[in-house]
Amino acid sequence: MPRLPLDRYDTPPHYVSALQAVIGQPTSTVYDPCYGRGNLDSLFARARRLYTNDLNPRVGSRWHFDAADPANWGVLGFDWC
């Protein structure tokens, strides 16, 4: 499969439901390095802090760094991985 423009691969809602069944509702700090449409928002609704990033400048994430570029890994002061 060829790569999609801006590496856009949104998390399907049924994956979000399955993940929530396993980990529950996170209440600590959460890092979402590939925000996309924000499909994980419902899962992260109770997070104390939510840091969002997406390569695409048109989505509503807080930052737009390329999380795959090692030059950006230390920019925000935490490890995305």
Protein backbone atom coordinates (compact mmCIF):
# COMPACT_ATOMS: atom_id res chain seq x y z
CA MET A 1 0.00 0.00 0.00
CA PRO A 2 1.43 3.42 -0.88
CA ARG A 3 1.78 6.00 1.88
CA LEU A 4 -1.14 8.39 2.24
CA PRO A 5 -0.54 12.14 1.98
CA LEU A 6 0.84 13.47 5.28
CA ASP A 7 0.75 9.89 6.61
CA ARG A 8 -2.97 10.16 7.41
CA TYR A 9 -4.11 6.90 9.03
CA ASP A 10 -6.97 7.66 11.43
CA THR A 11 -7.75 5.24 14.25
CA PRO A 12 -11.07 3.47 13.49
CA PRO A 13 -13.72 3.98 16.21
CA HIS A 14 -13.92 0.22 16.94
CA TYR A 15 -10.18 0.26 17.76
CA VAL A 16 -10.80 3.10 20.21
CA SER A 17 -13.54 1.06 21.91
CA ALA A 18 -11.29 -2.00 22.13
CA LEU A 19 -8.42 0.06 23.55
CA GLN A 20 -10.71 1.65 26.13
CA ALA A 21 -11.91 -1.79 27.21
CA VAL A 22 -8.30 -2.78 27.93
CA ILE A 23 -6.82 0.39 29.46
CA GLY A 24 -9.88 2.22 30.74
CA GLN A 25 -10.03 6.02 30.81
CA PRO A 26 -6.53 7.54 31.26
CA THR A 27 -6.44 10.25 33.91
CA SER A 28 -2.75 11.15 33.77
CA THR A 29 -0.80 12.97 31.08
CA VAL A 30 -1.36 11.65 27.55
CA TYR A 31 0.71 12.26 24.41
CA ASP A 32 -1.00 11.77 21.04
CA PRO A 33 1.71 12.16 18.38
CA CYS A 34 -0.60 11.48 15.40
CA TYR A 35 -3.82 13.35 16.19
CA GLY A 36 -5.60 13.07 12.82
CA ARG A 37 -9.35 13.52 13.21
CA GLY A 38 -9.08 13.27 16.98
CA ASN A 39 -10.78 9.87 17.12
CA LEU A 40 -9.03 9.14 20.42
CA ASP A 41 -10.47 12.28 22.08
CA SER A 42 -13.29 10.33 23.74
CA LEU A 43 -10.73 7.96 25.24
CA PHE A 44 -8.58 10.83 26.53
CA ALA A 45 -11.42 13.04 27.77
CA ARG A 46 -10.44 12.65 31.45
CA ALA A 47 -6.69 13.02 30.95
CA ARG A 48 -5.09 15.58 33.25
CA ARG A 49 -3.05 16.91 30.33
CA LEU A 50 -3.37 16.06 26.65
CA TYR A 51 -0.54 16.92 24.26
CA THR A 52 -1.50 16.53 20.61
CA ASN A 53 0.63 16.62 17.49
CA ASP A 54 0.03 15.90 13.82
CA LEU A 55 2.15 16.37 10.73
CA ASN A 56 -0.81 17.93 8.90
CA PRO A 57 -1.14 21.65 9.71
CA ARG A 58 -4.86 21.53 8.83
CA VAL A 59 -5.88 19.33 11.76
CA GLY A 60 -6.69 20.69 15.21
CA SER A 61 -3.66 19.40 17.06
CA ARG A 62 -1.63 21.70 19.26
CA TRP A 63 1.65 21.07 17.42
CA HIS A 64 2.59 20.06 13.88
CA PHE A 65 5.99 18.41 14.18
CA ASP A 66 7.04 15.40 12.13
CA ALA A 67 7.14 12.83 14.93
CA ALA A 68 9.18 10.50 12.70
CA ASP A 69 12.00 13.03 12.36
CA PRO A 70 14.65 12.48 15.08
CA ALA A 71 15.42 16.22 14.99
CA ASN A 72 11.97 16.84 16.54
CA TRP A 73 12.12 14.22 19.27
CA GLY A 74 13.51 16.50 21.97
CA VAL A 75 11.79 19.72 20.89
CA LEU A 76 8.86 19.41 23.29
CA GLY A 77 10.83 18.02 26.20
CA PHE A 78 9.37 14.52 26.21
CA ASP A 79 9.70 11.27 24.28
CA TRP A 80 6.83 10.58 21.87
CA CYS A 81 7.66 6.86 21.77
